[in-house]
Amino acid sequence: MFAFKKFSVNQDKTAMKIGTDGVLLGAWCPINNRPNSILDIGTGTGIIALMLAQRTEAQQIDALEIEENAYEQAVDNFENSPWSDRLFCFHAGLDEFVDDPEDEYDLIVSNPPFYVEDYKTNDTHRDLARFQDAMPFEDLVAAVDLLLSENGIFAVIIPFKEEERFMDLCAKMELFPIKITRVKGAHNTPIVRSLMAFKRFELTTLTSDELVIEINRHEYTDAYIELTKDFYLKM
């Protein structure tokens, strides 16, 4: 069990454990549009949906998970949280979910699969969770275009090397970046992730900055502490 300040997450059933990427996205994604409905695509343990239940007053927080063990884990974590009445998980692939959409969402978040290399591991559950062919970026962006409300926000975390391609895919759907934070593990290491938020209309100014996680091993920067202090027990 992984204990946060206001909730706990079990992760014994799922191949993909809680990682920095999910926590970053859950803490970082903009909520200034006061979302009433949220969708977490590829929820895994449910960590991002749970963080957004803590951060917002959204009455509808839906999550989507295709892998059966992860789905069961997310359901358990939702039911055992303080916000069980607002959280619901669908056991379906993205293609099934968008076949007959019933709702639009004010906030859509995703920590999508992104390993695009040709090799696979011997763990099919981990492969499904982490290889991009399980949910190509093109499919994700097309689904967001279908499901995002007029004033909604779409937030995602992806490898920095994929940033330009992902922005191009969003531009084709007339989804425009409003905020980008590029993440480095330490001051002397390269940028590894891009946190990105999009809306349906183009802003005159794009907010962009950089986040460094650690000064030294387990010695965190003030910016990272400020971002995650409402969640991590020791922050």
C-alpha atoms as a PDB file:
ATOM      1  CA  MET A   1       0.000   0.000   0.000  1.00  0.00           C
ATOM      2  CA  PHE A   2       1.167   3.520  -0.851  1.00  0.00           C
ATOM      3  CA  ALA A   3      -0.109   6.021   1.712  1.00  0.00           C
ATOM      4  CA  PHE A   4      -0.730   9.643   0.800  1.00  0.00           C
ATOM      5  CA  LYS A   5      -1.905  12.368   3.174  1.00  0.00           C
ATOM      6  CA  LYS A   6      -5.635  11.946   2.500  1.00  0.00           C
ATOM      7  CA  PHE A   7      -5.925   8.547   0.804  1.00  0.00           C
ATOM      8  CA  SER A   8      -4.089   5.275   0.228  1.00  0.00           C
ATOM      9  CA  VAL A   9      -3.472   3.300  -2.959  1.00  0.00           C
ATOM     10  CA  ASN A  10      -3.082  -0.451  -3.177  1.00  0.00           C
ATOM     11  CA  GLN A  11      -0.981  -1.576  -6.128  1.00  0.00           C
ATOM     12  CA  ASP A  12      -0.415  -5.303  -5.581  1.00  0.00           C
ATOM     13  CA  LYS A  13      -2.647  -6.401  -8.493  1.00  0.00           C
ATOM     14  CA  THR A  14      -1.368  -4.098 -11.219  1.00  0.00           C
ATOM     15  CA  ALA A  15       1.836  -4.414 -13.249  1.00  0.00           C
ATOM     16  CA  MET A  16       2.462  -0.673 -13.337  1.00  0.00           C
ATOM     17  CA  LYS A  17       3.150   0.732  -9.901  1.00  0.00           C
ATOM     18  CA  ILE A  18       2.736   4.327  -8.761  1.00  0.00           C
ATOM     19  CA  GLY A  19       5.449   6.457 -10.307  1.00  0.00           C
ATOM     20  CA  THR A  20       6.541  10.056 -10.397  1.00  0.00           C
ATOM     21  CA  ASP A  21       4.802  10.687 -13.744  1.00  0.00           C
ATOM     22  CA  GLY A  22       1.312  10.034 -12.401  1.00  0.00           C
ATOM     23  CA  VAL A  23       1.863  12.079  -9.253  1.00  0.00           C
ATOM     24  CA  LEU A  24       3.284  14.949 -11.315  1.00  0.00           C
ATOM     25  CA  LEU A  25       0.283  15.035 -13.625  1.00  0.00           C
ATOM     26  CA  GLY A  26      -2.248  14.722 -10.812  1.00  0.00           C
ATOM     27  CA  ALA A  27      -0.672  17.594  -8.891  1.00  0.00           C
ATOM     28  CA  TRP A  28       0.163  19.800 -11.892  1.00  0.00           C
ATOM     29  CA  CYS A  29      -2.809  19.704 -14.257  1.00  0.00           C
ATOM     30  CA  PRO A  30      -4.721  22.993 -14.394  1.00  0.00           C
ATOM     31  CA  ILE A  31      -8.136  23.106 -12.696  1.00  0.00           C
ATOM     32  CA  ASN A  32      -8.766  26.840 -13.059  1.00  0.00           C
ATOM     33  CA  ASN A  33     -11.846  26.109 -15.192  1.00  0.00           C
ATOM     34  CA  ARG A  34     -13.423  24.525 -12.059  1.00  0.00           C
ATOM     35  CA  PRO A  35     -14.219  21.165 -13.699  1.00  0.00           C
ATOM     36  CA  ASN A  36     -17.450  19.463 -12.735  1.00  0.00           C
ATOM     37  CA  SER A  37     -16.694  16.359 -14.791  1.00  0.00           C
ATOM     38  CA  ILE A  38     -13.303  14.644 -15.152  1.00  0.00           C
ATOM     39  CA  LEU A  39     -12.059  11.686 -17.188  1.00  0.00           C
ATOM     40  CA  ASP A  40      -8.804   9.841 -16.483  1.00  0.00           C
ATOM     41  CA  ILE A  41      -7.826   7.754 -19.529  1.00  0.00           C
ATOM     42  CA  GLY A  42      -5.708   4.720 -18.632  1.00  0.00           C
ATOM     43  CA  THR A  43      -6.104   5.132 -14.883  1.00  0.00           C
ATOM     44  CA  GLY A  44      -3.952   2.194 -13.683  1.00  0.00           C
ATOM     45  CA  THR A  45      -4.190   2.222  -9.880  1.00  0.00           C
ATOM     46  CA  GLY A  46      -6.466   5.263 -10.038  1.00  0.00           C
ATOM     47  CA  ILE A  47      -3.856   7.596  -8.556  1.00  0.00           C
ATOM     48  CA  ILE A  48      -4.509  10.599 -10.839  1.00  0.00           C
ATOM     49  CA  ALA A  49      -8.299  10.381 -10.472  1.00  0.00           C
ATOM     50  CA  LEU A  50      -7.891  10.197  -6.690  1.00  0.00           C
ATOM     51  CA  MET A  51      -5.593  13.230  -6.639  1.00  0.00           C
ATOM     52  CA  LEU A  52      -8.118  15.191  -8.688  1.00  0.00           C
ATOM     53  CA  ALA A  53     -10.923  14.131  -6.349  1.00  0.00           C
ATOM     54  CA  GLN A  54      -8.859  15.722  -3.568  1.00  0.00           C
ATOM     55  CA  ARG A  55      -8.061  18.869  -5.576  1.00  0.00           C
ATOM     56  CA  THR A  56     -11.505  19.595  -7.041  1.00  0.00           C
ATOM     57  CA  GLU A  57     -15.218  19.633  -6.260  1.00  0.00           C
ATOM     58  CA  ALA A  58     -16.000  17.702  -9.466  1.00  0.00           C
ATOM     59  CA  GLN A  59     -19.119  15.600  -8.984  1.00  0.00           C
ATOM     60  CA  GLN A  60     -18.333  13.186 -11.808  1.00  0.00           C
ATOM     61  CA  ILE A  61     -14.864  11.652 -11.943  1.00  0.00           C
ATOM     62  CA  ASP A  62     -14.714   8.784 -14.426  1.00  0.00           C
ATOM     63  CA  ALA A  63     -11.715   6.587 -15.118  1.00  0.00           C
ATOM     64  CA  LEU A  64     -11.007   4.197 -17.964  1.00  0.00           C
ATOM     65  CA  GLU A  65      -8.829   1.084 -17.740  1.00  0.00           C
ATOM     66  CA  ILE A  66      -8.513  -1.782 -20.219  1.00  0.00           C
ATOM     67  CA  GLU A  67      -6.297  -4.173 -18.219  1.00  0.00           C
ATOM     68  CA  GLU A  68      -8.450  -6.327 -15.926  1.00  0.00           C
ATOM     69  CA  ASN A  69      -6.197  -6.472 -12.866  1.00  0.00           C
ATOM     70  CA  ALA A  70      -5.554  -2.738 -12.941  1.00  0.00           C
ATOM     71  CA  TYR A  71      -9.281  -2.086 -13.370  1.00  0.00           C
ATOM     72  CA  GLU A  72     -10.086  -4.177 -10.284  1.00  0.00           C
ATOM     73  CA  GLN A  73      -7.348  -2.394  -8.347  1.00  0.00           C
ATOM     74  CA  ALA A  74      -8.658   1.039  -9.309  1.00  0.00           C
ATOM     75  CA  VAL A  75     -12.213   0.083  -8.304  1.00  0.00           C
ATOM     76  CA  ASP A  76     -10.978  -1.058  -4.884  1.00  0.00           C
ATOM     77  CA  ASN A  77      -8.934   2.112  -4.413  1.00  0.00           C
ATOM     78  CA  PHE A  78     -11.892   4.290  -5.387  1.00  0.00           C
ATOM     79  CA  GLU A  79     -14.268   2.459  -3.037  1.00  0.00           C
ATOM     80  CA  ASN A  80     -11.841   2.786  -0.127  1.00  0.00           C
ATOM     81  CA  SER A  81     -11.244   6.519  -0.672  1.00  0.00           C
ATOM     82  CA  PRO A  82     -13.058   9.452   0.969  1.00  0.00           C
ATOM     83  CA  TRP A  83     -14.569  10.297  -2.432  1.00  0.00           C
ATOM     84  CA  SER A  84     -16.080   6.935  -3.418  1.00  0.00           C
ATOM     85  CA  ASP A  85     -19.392   8.565  -4.332  1.00  0.00           C
ATOM     86  CA  ARG A  86     -17.698  10.699  -7.014  1.00  0.00           C
ATOM     87  CA  LEU A  87     -15.363   8.118  -8.577  1.00  0.00           C
ATOM     88  CA  PHE A  88     -16.276   5.476 -11.159  1.00  0.00           C
ATOM     89  CA  CYS A  89     -14.100   3.208 -13.295  1.00  0.00           C
ATOM     90  CA  PHE A  90     -15.027   1.728 -16.686  1.00  0.00           C
ATOM     91  CA  HIS A  91     -13.445  -1.563 -17.772  1.00  0.00           C
ATOM     92  CA  ALA A  92     -13.019  -0.873 -21.485  1.00  0.00           C
ATOM     93  CA  GLY A  93     -10.601   0.159 -24.173  1.00  0.00           C
ATOM     94  CA  LEU A  94     -10.588   3.700 -25.470  1.00  0.00           C
ATOM     95  CA  ASP A  95     -12.095   2.592 -28.790  1.00  0.00           C
ATOM     96  CA  GLU A  96     -15.067   0.996 -26.993  1.00  0.00           C
ATOM     97  CA  PHE A  97     -15.538   4.001 -24.736  1.00  0.00           C
ATOM     98  CA  VAL A  98     -15.785   6.507 -27.593  1.00  0.00           C
ATOM     99  CA  ASP A  99     -18.094   4.308 -29.681  1.00  0.00           C
ATOM    100  CA  ASP A 100     -21.154   5.659 -27.905  1.00  0.00           C
ATOM    101  CA  PRO A 101     -20.121   8.695 -25.859  1.00  0.00           C
ATOM    102  CA  GLU A 102     -22.743   9.877 -23.383  1.00  0.00           C
ATOM    103  CA  ASP A 103     -20.867  12.711 -21.717  1.00  0.00           C
ATOM    104  CA  GLU A 104     -18.456  15.549 -22.320  1.00  0.00           C
ATOM    105  CA  TYR A 105     -15.773  16.281 -19.747  1.00  0.00           C
ATOM    106  CA  ASP A 106     -14.436  19.568 -18.393  1.00  0.00           C
ATOM    107  CA  LEU A 107     -11.053  17.993 -17.674  1.00  0.00           C
ATOM    108  CA  ILE A 108      -9.457  15.007 -19.406  1.00  0.00           C
ATOM    109  CA  VAL A 109      -6.140  13.668 -18.110  1.00  0.00           C
ATOM    110  CA  SER A 110      -3.905  10.855 -19.271  1.00  0.00           C
ATOM    111  CA  ASN A 111      -0.549   9.359 -18.394  1.00  0.00           C
ATOM    112  CA  PRO A 112      -0.538   7.321 -21.596  1.00  0.00           C
ATOM    113  CA  PRO A 113       1.545   4.321 -22.646  1.00  0.00           C
ATOM    114  CA  PHE A 114       4.561   5.662 -24.491  1.00  0.00           C
ATOM    115  CA  TYR A 115       7.268   3.089 -25.066  1.00  0.00           C
ATOM    116  CA  VAL A 116       7.438   2.829 -28.849  1.00  0.00           C
ATOM    117  CA  GLU A 117      10.477   0.572 -29.182  1.00  0.00           C
ATOM    118  CA  ASP A 118      10.042  -2.740 -30.991  1.00  0.00           C
ATOM    119  CA  TYR A 119      10.950  -4.992 -28.087  1.00  0.00           C
ATOM    120  CA  LYS A 120       8.507  -6.345 -25.524  1.00  0.00           C
ATOM    121  CA  THR A 121       9.038  -7.821 -22.079  1.00  0.00           C
ATOM    122  CA  ASN A 122       7.728 -11.219 -21.009  1.00  0.00           C
ATOM    123  CA  ASP A 123       5.088  -9.514 -18.841  1.00  0.00           C
ATOM    124  CA  THR A 124       2.004  -9.028 -21.019  1.00  0.00           C
ATOM    125  CA  HIS A 125       0.212  -6.959 -18.361  1.00  0.00           C
ATOM    126  CA  ARG A 126       3.124  -4.531 -18.115  1.00  0.00           C
ATOM    127  CA  ASP A 127       3.406  -4.401 -21.909  1.00  0.00           C
ATOM    128  CA  LEU A 128      -0.275  -3.535 -22.228  1.00  0.00           C
ATOM    129  CA  ALA A 129       0.089  -0.796 -19.651  1.00  0.00           C
ATOM    130  CA  ARG A 130       3.241   0.726 -21.064  1.00  0.00           C
ATOM    131  CA  PHE A 131       3.585   0.193 -24.818  1.00  0.00           C
ATOM    132  CA  GLN A 132       2.144   2.803 -27.098  1.00  0.00           C
ATOM    133  CA  ASP A 133       0.469   0.321 -29.438  1.00  0.00           C
ATOM    134  CA  ALA A 134      -2.057  -0.259 -26.628  1.00  0.00           C
ATOM    135  CA  MET A 135      -3.199   3.359 -27.008  1.00  0.00           C
ATOM    136  CA  PRO A 136      -1.526   5.325 -29.815  1.00  0.00           C
ATOM    137  CA  PHE A 137      -1.259   9.077 -29.337  1.00  0.00           C
ATOM    138  CA  GLU A 138      -3.390   9.547 -32.451  1.00  0.00           C
ATOM    139  CA  ASP A 139      -6.270   7.593 -30.851  1.00  0.00           C
ATOM    140  CA  LEU A 140      -5.910   9.475 -27.580  1.00  0.00           C
ATOM    141  CA  VAL A 141      -6.061  12.910 -29.215  1.00  0.00           C
ATOM    142  CA  ALA A 142      -9.018  11.919 -31.418  1.00  0.00           C
ATOM    143  CA  ALA A 143     -10.903  10.699 -28.331  1.00  0.00           C
ATOM    144  CA  VAL A 144     -10.160  13.918 -26.470  1.00  0.00           C
ATOM    145  CA  ASP A 145     -11.505  15.945 -29.396  1.00  0.00           C
ATOM    146  CA  LEU A 146     -14.732  13.926 -29.170  1.00  0.00           C
ATOM    147  CA  LEU A 147     -15.115  14.031 -25.380  1.00  0.00           C
ATOM    148  CA  LEU A 148     -13.772  17.430 -24.280  1.00  0.00           C
ATOM    149  CA  SER A 149     -16.317  20.130 -23.403  1.00  0.00           C
ATOM    150  CA  GLU A 150     -16.157  23.528 -25.094  1.00  0.00           C
ATOM    151  CA  ASN A 151     -14.196  25.135 -22.246  1.00  0.00           C
ATOM    152  CA  GLY A 152     -12.519  21.922 -21.148  1.00  0.00           C
ATOM    153  CA  ILE A 153      -8.829  21.295 -20.472  1.00  0.00           C
ATOM    154  CA  PHE A 154      -6.818  18.287 -21.641  1.00  0.00           C
ATOM    155  CA  ALA A 155      -3.669  17.508 -19.624  1.00  0.00           C
ATOM    156  CA  VAL A 156      -1.064  14.868 -20.363  1.00  0.00           C
ATOM    157  CA  ILE A 157       2.479  13.802 -19.477  1.00  0.00           C
ATOM    158  CA  ILE A 158       4.667  12.428 -22.276  1.00  0.00           C
ATOM    159  CA  PRO A 159       8.363  11.941 -23.059  1.00  0.00           C
ATOM    160  CA  PHE A 160      10.008  15.241 -23.953  1.00  0.00           C
ATOM    161  CA  LYS A 161      11.218  13.763 -27.255  1.00  0.00           C
ATOM    162  CA  GLU A 162       7.570  13.267 -28.285  1.00  0.00           C
ATOM    163  CA  GLU A 163       6.498  16.835 -27.444  1.00  0.00           C
ATOM    164  CA  GLU A 164       6.626  18.316 -30.940  1.00  0.00           C
ATOM    165  CA  ARG A 165       4.826  15.375 -32.552  1.00  0.00           C
ATOM    166  CA  PHE A 166       2.146  15.424 -29.871  1.00  0.00           C
ATOM    167  CA  MET A 167       1.576  19.147 -30.335  1.00  0.00           C
ATOM    168  CA  ASP A 168       1.211  18.598 -34.081  1.00  0.00           C
ATOM    169  CA  LEU A 169      -1.424  15.893 -33.484  1.00  0.00           C
ATOM    170  CA  CYS A 170      -3.345  18.212 -31.167  1.00  0.00           C
ATOM    171  CA  ALA A 171      -3.099  21.111 -33.617  1.00  0.00           C
ATOM    172  CA  LYS A 172      -4.797  18.985 -36.280  1.00  0.00           C
ATOM    173  CA  MET A 173      -7.752  18.638 -33.900  1.00  0.00           C
ATOM    174  CA  GLU A 174      -7.616  22.374 -33.044  1.00  0.00           C
ATOM    175  CA  LEU A 175      -6.438  21.687 -29.515  1.00  0.00           C
ATOM    176  CA  PHE A 176      -3.988  24.399 -28.518  1.00  0.00           C
ATOM    177  CA  PRO A 177      -1.363  24.379 -25.748  1.00  0.00           C
ATOM    178  CA  ILE A 178      -1.972  26.712 -22.806  1.00  0.00           C
ATOM    179  CA  LYS A 179       0.719  25.476 -20.413  1.00  0.00           C
ATOM    180  CA  ILE A 180       3.876  23.353 -20.717  1.00  0.00           C
ATOM    181  CA  THR A 181       6.229  22.306 -17.930  1.00  0.00           C
ATOM    182  CA  ARG A 182       9.362  20.410 -18.913  1.00  0.00           C
ATOM    183  CA  VAL A 183      10.671  18.070 -16.235  1.00  0.00           C
ATOM    184  CA  LYS A 184      14.272  17.207 -15.317  1.00  0.00           C
ATOM    185  CA  GLY A 185      15.338  14.677 -12.706  1.00  0.00           C
ATOM    186  CA  ALA A 186      18.183  16.927 -11.513  1.00  0.00           C
ATOM    187  CA  HIS A 187      19.775  20.230 -12.524  1.00  0.00           C
ATOM    188  CA  ASN A 188      22.549  18.533 -14.502  1.00  0.00           C
ATOM    189  CA  THR A 189      20.367  15.990 -16.319  1.00  0.00           C
ATOM    190  CA  PRO A 190      18.429  16.367 -19.582  1.00  0.00           C
ATOM    191  CA  ILE A 191      14.719  17.096 -19.836  1.00  0.00           C
ATOM    192  CA  VAL A 192      12.836  13.784 -19.768  1.00  0.00           C
ATOM    193  CA  ARG A 193       9.122  14.631 -19.586  1.00  0.00           C
ATOM    194  CA  SER A 194       6.705  17.264 -20.823  1.00  0.00           C
ATOM    195  CA  LEU A 195       3.605  18.146 -18.841  1.00  0.00           C
ATOM    196  CA  MET A 196       1.182  19.710 -21.318  1.00  0.00           C
ATOM    197  CA  ALA A 197      -2.276  21.267 -21.090  1.00  0.00           C
ATOM    198  CA  PHE A 198      -4.517  22.093 -24.056  1.00  0.00           C
ATOM    199  CA  LYS A 199      -7.787  23.935 -24.757  1.00  0.00           C
ATOM    200  CA  ARG A 200     -10.023  24.327 -27.801  1.00  0.00           C
ATOM    201  CA  PHE A 201      -9.103  27.959 -28.368  1.00  0.00           C
ATOM    202  CA  GLU A 202      -5.674  29.457 -28.905  1.00  0.00           C
ATOM    203  CA  LEU A 203      -4.285  31.845 -26.287  1.00  0.00           C
ATOM    204  CA  THR A 204      -2.088  34.785 -27.200  1.00  0.00           C
ATOM    205  CA  THR A 205       0.470  33.684 -24.600  1.00  0.00           C
ATOM    206  CA  LEU A 206       1.636  30.175 -23.771  1.00  0.00           C
ATOM    207  CA  THR A 207       2.916  29.610 -20.242  1.00  0.00           C
ATOM    208  CA  SER A 208       6.010  27.420 -20.191  1.00  0.00           C
ATOM    209  CA  ASP A 209       8.523  26.626 -17.482  1.00  0.00           C
ATOM    210  CA  GLU A 210      10.866  23.947 -16.199  1.00  0.00           C
ATOM    211  CA  LEU A 211      10.625  21.732 -13.119  1.00  0.00           C
ATOM    212  CA  VAL A 212      13.625  20.038 -11.508  1.00  0.00           C
ATOM    213  CA  ILE A 213      12.736  17.222  -9.105  1.00  0.00           C
ATOM    214  CA  GLU A 214      15.888  16.588  -7.069  1.00  0.00           C
ATOM    215  CA  ILE A 215      18.953  18.501  -5.898  1.00  0.00           C
ATOM    216  CA  ASN A 216      20.569  15.268  -4.742  1.00  0.00           C
ATOM    217  CA  ARG A 217      19.182  11.773  -4.281  1.00  0.00           C
ATOM    218  CA  HIS A 218      16.044  12.103  -2.099  1.00  0.00           C
ATOM    219  CA  GLU A 219      16.738  15.805  -1.582  1.00  0.00           C
ATOM    220  CA  TYR A 220      13.936  17.543  -3.414  1.00  0.00           C
ATOM    221  CA  THR A 221      13.783  21.038  -4.888  1.00  0.00           C
ATOM    222  CA  ASP A 222      11.496  23.653  -3.369  1.00  0.00           C
ATOM    223  CA  ALA A 223       9.409  23.680  -6.552  1.00  0.00           C
ATOM    224  CA  TYR A 224       8.784  19.921  -6.436  1.00  0.00           C
ATOM    225  CA  ILE A 225       7.949  20.063  -2.727  1.00  0.00           C
ATOM    226  CA  GLU A 226       5.514  22.921  -3.335  1.00  0.00           C
ATOM    227  CA  LEU A 227       3.826  20.985  -6.141  1.00  0.00           C
ATOM    228  CA  THR A 228       3.396  17.698  -4.248  1.00  0.00           C
ATOM    229  CA  LYS A 229       3.175  18.749  -0.575  1.00  0.00           C
ATOM    230  CA  ASP A 230      -0.596  18.240  -0.390  1.00  0.00           C
ATOM    231  CA  PHE A 231      -0.120  14.560  -1.243  1.00  0.00           C
ATOM    232  CA  TYR A 232       3.190  13.043  -0.128  1.00  0.00           C
ATOM    233  CA  LEU A 233       3.375  12.277   3.593  1.00  0.00           C
ATOM    234  CA  LYS A 234       6.970  13.464   3.983  1.00  0.00           C
ATOM    235  CA  MET A 235       6.738  16.660   1.944  1.00  0.00           C
END
